[in-house]
N, C-alpha and C. Protein backbone atom coordinates (compact mmCIF):
# COMPACT_ATOMS: atom_id res chain seq x y z
N MET A 1 79.17 -19.23 63.23
CA MET A 1 80.17 -20.02 62.53
C MET A 1 80.47 -21.31 63.28
N ASP A 2 80.51 -21.26 64.60
CA ASP A 2 80.81 -22.46 65.36
C ASP A 2 79.72 -23.52 65.19
N ASP A 3 78.45 -23.08 65.08
CA ASP A 3 77.37 -24.04 64.88
C ASP A 3 77.53 -24.76 63.55
N ARG A 4 77.86 -24.00 62.52
CA ARG A 4 78.05 -24.63 61.21
C ARG A 4 79.26 -25.54 61.22
N LEU A 5 80.33 -25.11 61.90
CA LEU A 5 81.52 -25.95 61.99
C LEU A 5 81.16 -27.26 62.68
N ASN A 6 80.43 -27.18 63.78
CA ASN A 6 80.01 -28.41 64.47
C ASN A 6 79.11 -29.25 63.59
N ASP A 7 78.23 -28.60 62.83
CA ASP A 7 77.35 -29.34 61.93
C ASP A 7 78.16 -30.05 60.84
N ILE A 8 79.17 -29.36 60.30
CA ILE A 8 80.00 -29.96 59.26
C ILE A 8 80.75 -31.17 59.82
N ILE A 9 81.29 -31.03 61.02
CA ILE A 9 82.03 -32.14 61.63
C ILE A 9 81.10 -33.31 61.92
N LYS A 10 79.92 -33.01 62.47
CA LYS A 10 78.96 -34.08 62.73
C LYS A 10 78.50 -34.73 61.43
N TYR A 11 78.35 -33.94 60.38
CA TYR A 11 77.96 -34.45 59.06
C TYR A 11 79.03 -35.41 58.55
N ARG A 12 80.30 -35.01 58.68
CA ARG A 12 81.40 -35.86 58.22
C ARG A 12 81.50 -37.15 59.03
N LYS A 13 81.19 -37.06 60.35
CA LYS A 13 81.25 -38.26 61.19
C LYS A 13 80.01 -39.12 61.03
N GLY A 14 78.95 -38.57 60.45
CA GLY A 14 77.71 -39.31 60.31
C GLY A 14 76.85 -39.29 61.56
N GLU A 15 77.02 -38.27 62.39
CA GLU A 15 76.29 -38.18 63.65
C GLU A 15 74.97 -37.42 63.52
N LEU A 16 74.69 -36.87 62.37
CA LEU A 16 73.43 -36.14 62.18
C LEU A 16 72.34 -37.11 61.75
N SER A 17 71.13 -36.77 62.14
CA SER A 17 69.99 -37.57 61.70
C SER A 17 69.76 -37.28 60.21
N PRO A 18 69.04 -38.14 59.53
CA PRO A 18 68.77 -37.89 58.10
C PRO A 18 68.06 -36.55 57.87
N LYS A 19 67.20 -36.17 58.80
CA LYS A 19 66.50 -34.90 58.65
C LYS A 19 67.48 -33.73 58.78
N GLU A 20 68.41 -33.82 59.75
CA GLU A 20 69.40 -32.77 59.94
C GLU A 20 70.38 -32.72 58.76
N MET A 21 70.73 -33.89 58.24
CA MET A 21 71.61 -33.93 57.07
C MET A 21 70.95 -33.26 55.87
N HIS A 22 69.67 -33.54 55.69
CA HIS A 22 68.93 -32.95 54.58
C HIS A 22 68.85 -31.42 54.75
N ALA A 23 68.62 -30.97 55.98
CA ALA A 23 68.55 -29.53 56.23
C ALA A 23 69.89 -28.86 55.93
N LEU A 24 70.98 -29.50 56.32
CA LEU A 24 72.30 -28.94 56.04
C LEU A 24 72.58 -28.92 54.54
N GLU A 25 72.20 -29.97 53.85
CA GLU A 25 72.40 -30.01 52.41
C GLU A 25 71.54 -28.96 51.70
N ARG A 26 70.37 -28.68 52.22
CA ARG A 26 69.54 -27.62 51.63
C ARG A 26 70.16 -26.25 51.87
N GLN A 27 70.80 -26.07 53.03
CA GLN A 27 71.48 -24.80 53.31
C GLN A 27 72.62 -24.57 52.33
N THR A 28 73.27 -25.65 51.92
CA THR A 28 74.39 -25.51 50.98
C THR A 28 73.92 -25.00 49.63
N LEU A 29 72.67 -25.21 49.29
CA LEU A 29 72.16 -24.70 48.01
C LEU A 29 72.09 -23.18 48.01
N ASN A 30 71.88 -22.57 49.17
CA ASN A 30 71.76 -21.12 49.27
C ASN A 30 73.04 -20.44 49.71
N ASP A 31 73.99 -21.20 50.24
CA ASP A 31 75.22 -20.62 50.77
C ASP A 31 76.43 -21.23 50.06
N PRO A 32 77.04 -20.48 49.15
CA PRO A 32 78.18 -21.04 48.42
C PRO A 32 79.38 -21.34 49.33
N PHE A 33 79.56 -20.56 50.38
CA PHE A 33 80.67 -20.81 51.30
C PHE A 33 80.49 -22.15 52.00
N LEU A 34 79.29 -22.41 52.47
CA LEU A 34 79.01 -23.68 53.15
C LEU A 34 79.16 -24.83 52.17
N SER A 35 78.73 -24.62 50.95
CA SER A 35 78.87 -25.65 49.93
C SER A 35 80.34 -25.99 49.69
N GLU A 36 81.16 -24.96 49.55
CA GLU A 36 82.60 -25.17 49.36
C GLU A 36 83.23 -25.84 50.58
N ALA A 37 82.78 -25.46 51.77
CA ALA A 37 83.32 -26.05 52.99
C ALA A 37 83.02 -27.54 53.05
N LEU A 38 81.80 -27.92 52.72
CA LEU A 38 81.44 -29.34 52.73
C LEU A 38 82.21 -30.10 51.65
N GLU A 39 82.35 -29.48 50.49
CA GLU A 39 83.09 -30.12 49.41
C GLU A 39 84.55 -30.33 49.79
N GLY A 40 85.12 -29.34 50.46
CA GLY A 40 86.52 -29.42 50.85
C GLY A 40 86.79 -30.45 51.92
N THR A 41 85.79 -30.79 52.71
CA THR A 41 86.00 -31.77 53.78
C THR A 41 85.77 -33.20 53.33
N GLU A 42 85.41 -33.41 52.08
CA GLU A 42 85.14 -34.78 51.61
C GLU A 42 86.40 -35.63 51.59
N ASN A 43 87.56 -35.02 51.40
CA ASN A 43 88.79 -35.80 51.22
C ASN A 43 89.58 -35.99 52.51
N ILE A 44 89.12 -35.44 53.63
CA ILE A 44 89.86 -35.59 54.88
C ILE A 44 88.94 -36.17 55.95
N SER A 45 89.55 -36.72 56.97
CA SER A 45 88.75 -37.29 58.05
C SER A 45 88.29 -36.19 59.00
N ALA A 46 87.33 -36.52 59.83
CA ALA A 46 86.80 -35.54 60.80
C ALA A 46 87.86 -35.15 61.82
N GLU A 47 88.74 -36.10 62.20
CA GLU A 47 89.79 -35.79 63.15
C GLU A 47 90.80 -34.81 62.56
N ASP A 48 91.16 -35.03 61.28
CA ASP A 48 92.07 -34.09 60.61
C ASP A 48 91.42 -32.72 60.47
N LEU A 49 90.13 -32.72 60.21
CA LEU A 49 89.40 -31.45 60.10
C LEU A 49 89.46 -30.68 61.41
N MET A 50 89.23 -31.39 62.52
CA MET A 50 89.26 -30.73 63.83
C MET A 50 90.66 -30.19 64.15
N SER A 51 91.69 -30.95 63.85
CA SER A 51 93.04 -30.48 64.13
C SER A 51 93.40 -29.28 63.25
N ASP A 52 92.96 -29.31 61.99
CA ASP A 52 93.22 -28.17 61.09
C ASP A 52 92.51 -26.92 61.57
N VAL A 53 91.26 -27.07 61.98
CA VAL A 53 90.48 -25.91 62.44
C VAL A 53 91.07 -25.34 63.71
N SER A 54 91.48 -26.20 64.64
CA SER A 54 92.07 -25.69 65.88
C SER A 54 93.41 -25.00 65.61
N GLN A 55 94.18 -25.51 64.66
CA GLN A 55 95.45 -24.88 64.29
C GLN A 55 95.20 -23.51 63.67
N ILE A 56 94.20 -23.40 62.81
CA ILE A 56 93.87 -22.11 62.20
C ILE A 56 93.40 -21.12 63.26
N ASN A 57 92.58 -21.58 64.20
CA ASN A 57 92.10 -20.70 65.27
C ASN A 57 93.25 -20.20 66.13
N ARG A 58 94.23 -21.05 66.42
CA ARG A 58 95.39 -20.61 67.19
C ARG A 58 96.17 -19.54 66.44
N LYS A 59 96.34 -19.72 65.13
CA LYS A 59 97.06 -18.72 64.34
C LYS A 59 96.30 -17.39 64.31
N ILE A 60 94.98 -17.46 64.21
CA ILE A 60 94.17 -16.23 64.19
C ILE A 60 94.29 -15.50 65.52
N LEU A 61 94.20 -16.23 66.62
CA LEU A 61 94.32 -15.60 67.93
C LEU A 61 95.70 -15.01 68.15
N LYS A 62 96.73 -15.67 67.64
CA LYS A 62 98.08 -15.16 67.78
C LYS A 62 98.22 -13.85 67.00
N LYS A 63 97.63 -13.77 65.82
CA LYS A 63 97.71 -12.54 65.03
C LYS A 63 96.92 -11.42 65.67
N LYS A 64 95.83 -11.73 66.33
CA LYS A 64 95.06 -10.69 67.01
C LYS A 64 95.86 -10.08 68.14
N LYS A 65 96.62 -10.88 68.84
CA LYS A 65 97.44 -10.37 69.93
C LYS A 65 98.56 -9.48 69.40
N ALA A 66 99.07 -9.77 68.23
CA ALA A 66 100.16 -8.98 67.65
C ALA A 66 99.68 -7.60 67.21
N THR A 67 98.41 -7.43 66.95
CA THR A 67 97.91 -6.14 66.47
C THR A 67 97.50 -5.20 67.60
N LEU A 68 97.77 -5.56 68.84
CA LEU A 68 97.38 -4.70 69.96
C LEU A 68 98.17 -3.40 69.96
N PHE A 69 99.40 -3.40 69.46
CA PHE A 69 100.23 -2.22 69.49
C PHE A 69 100.07 -1.35 68.25
N THR A 70 99.10 -1.60 67.43
CA THR A 70 98.88 -0.80 66.23
C THR A 70 98.62 0.67 66.55
N PRO A 71 97.79 1.04 67.52
CA PRO A 71 97.62 2.46 67.82
C PRO A 71 98.92 3.14 68.26
N LEU A 72 99.76 2.40 68.98
CA LEU A 72 101.04 2.95 69.39
C LEU A 72 101.94 3.18 68.19
N ARG A 73 101.91 2.28 67.23
CA ARG A 73 102.70 2.45 66.01
C ARG A 73 102.22 3.65 65.20
N ILE A 74 100.92 3.83 65.13
CA ILE A 74 100.36 4.98 64.40
C ILE A 74 100.78 6.28 65.07
N ALA A 75 100.70 6.33 66.39
CA ALA A 75 101.08 7.53 67.13
C ALA A 75 102.57 7.83 66.93
N ALA A 76 103.41 6.81 66.94
CA ALA A 76 104.84 7.02 66.72
C ALA A 76 105.11 7.54 65.31
N GLY A 77 104.38 7.04 64.34
CA GLY A 77 104.55 7.52 62.96
C GLY A 77 104.14 8.97 62.82
N ILE A 78 103.04 9.35 63.44
CA ILE A 78 102.59 10.75 63.39
C ILE A 78 103.60 11.66 64.09
N ALA A 79 104.12 11.22 65.23
CA ALA A 79 105.11 12.02 65.95
C ALA A 79 106.38 12.18 65.11
N LEU A 80 106.77 11.15 64.40
CA LEU A 80 107.96 11.21 63.54
C LEU A 80 107.75 12.20 62.40
N VAL A 81 106.59 12.19 61.78
CA VAL A 81 106.30 13.12 60.68
C VAL A 81 106.27 14.55 61.20
N ILE A 82 105.62 14.79 62.32
CA ILE A 82 105.56 16.15 62.89
C ILE A 82 106.96 16.63 63.26
N GLY A 83 107.75 15.77 63.88
CA GLY A 83 109.12 16.13 64.24
C GLY A 83 109.96 16.46 63.02
N SER A 84 109.78 15.71 61.95
CA SER A 84 110.53 15.96 60.72
C SER A 84 110.15 17.30 60.11
N VAL A 85 108.87 17.63 60.10
CA VAL A 85 108.42 18.90 59.55
C VAL A 85 108.98 20.06 60.38
N ILE A 86 108.91 19.95 61.68
CA ILE A 86 109.44 21.02 62.56
C ILE A 86 110.94 21.19 62.35
N LEU A 87 111.67 20.10 62.28
CA LEU A 87 113.11 20.15 62.06
C LEU A 87 113.43 20.78 60.70
N PHE A 88 112.68 20.44 59.69
CA PHE A 88 112.88 21.01 58.35
C PHE A 88 112.70 22.52 58.37
N TYR A 89 111.65 23.00 59.02
CA TYR A 89 111.41 24.44 59.07
C TYR A 89 112.46 25.17 59.94
N GLN A 90 112.98 24.52 60.94
CA GLN A 90 114.01 25.14 61.78
C GLN A 90 115.35 25.25 61.05
N LEU A 91 115.68 24.29 60.22
CA LEU A 91 116.97 24.28 59.54
C LEU A 91 116.96 25.00 58.19
N THR A 92 115.80 25.32 57.68
CA THR A 92 115.71 26.03 56.42
C THR A 92 116.11 27.49 56.64
N PRO A 93 117.06 28.01 55.82
CA PRO A 93 117.45 29.42 56.00
C PRO A 93 116.29 30.36 55.68
N LYS A 94 116.22 31.42 56.45
CA LYS A 94 115.14 32.40 56.27
C LYS A 94 115.50 33.35 55.14
N LYS A 95 114.55 33.66 54.31
CA LYS A 95 114.75 34.62 53.23
C LYS A 95 114.43 36.02 53.75
N GLU A 96 115.32 36.94 53.49
CA GLU A 96 115.07 38.32 53.91
C GLU A 96 114.34 39.03 52.79
N SER A 97 113.38 39.79 53.15
CA SER A 97 112.65 40.54 52.12
C SER A 97 113.39 41.85 51.84
N LEU A 98 113.20 42.38 50.67
CA LEU A 98 113.85 43.60 50.28
C LEU A 98 113.38 44.80 51.09
N ALA A 99 112.20 44.75 51.59
CA ALA A 99 111.66 45.86 52.35
C ALA A 99 112.37 46.01 53.69
N LEU A 100 112.93 44.96 54.23
CA LEU A 100 113.59 45.02 55.53
C LEU A 100 115.05 45.43 55.43
N LYS A 101 115.66 45.37 54.24
CA LYS A 101 117.05 45.74 54.09
C LYS A 101 117.20 47.26 54.08
N THR A 102 118.21 47.72 54.73
CA THR A 102 118.49 49.16 54.73
C THR A 102 119.85 49.40 54.13
N GLU A 103 119.97 50.49 53.43
CA GLU A 103 121.26 50.81 52.82
C GLU A 103 122.06 51.69 53.73
N ASN A 104 123.34 51.50 53.75
CA ASN A 104 124.24 52.31 54.58
C ASN A 104 124.74 53.49 53.81
């Protein structure tokens, strides 16, 4: 992905040779994502593109750090469910069967 991102930025800046530009344009015929990416960058400058991409990357990295405690959350949820089931069975009154009752 980084190679394509660099290629897109170089394409927008005009730093690619005509042969490299042609190769990138041919890749867009087979890759709809790349085609959409090139189309989307037509209306912004290369500098704005770089700042947008770096901002998106920072947000992605921040979200990855927030998901580190997911296993701990899952374990706490399982412990809560098990504790609730045990508490329910402890507080539920026991039914006596007729076979255990004796008459006086």
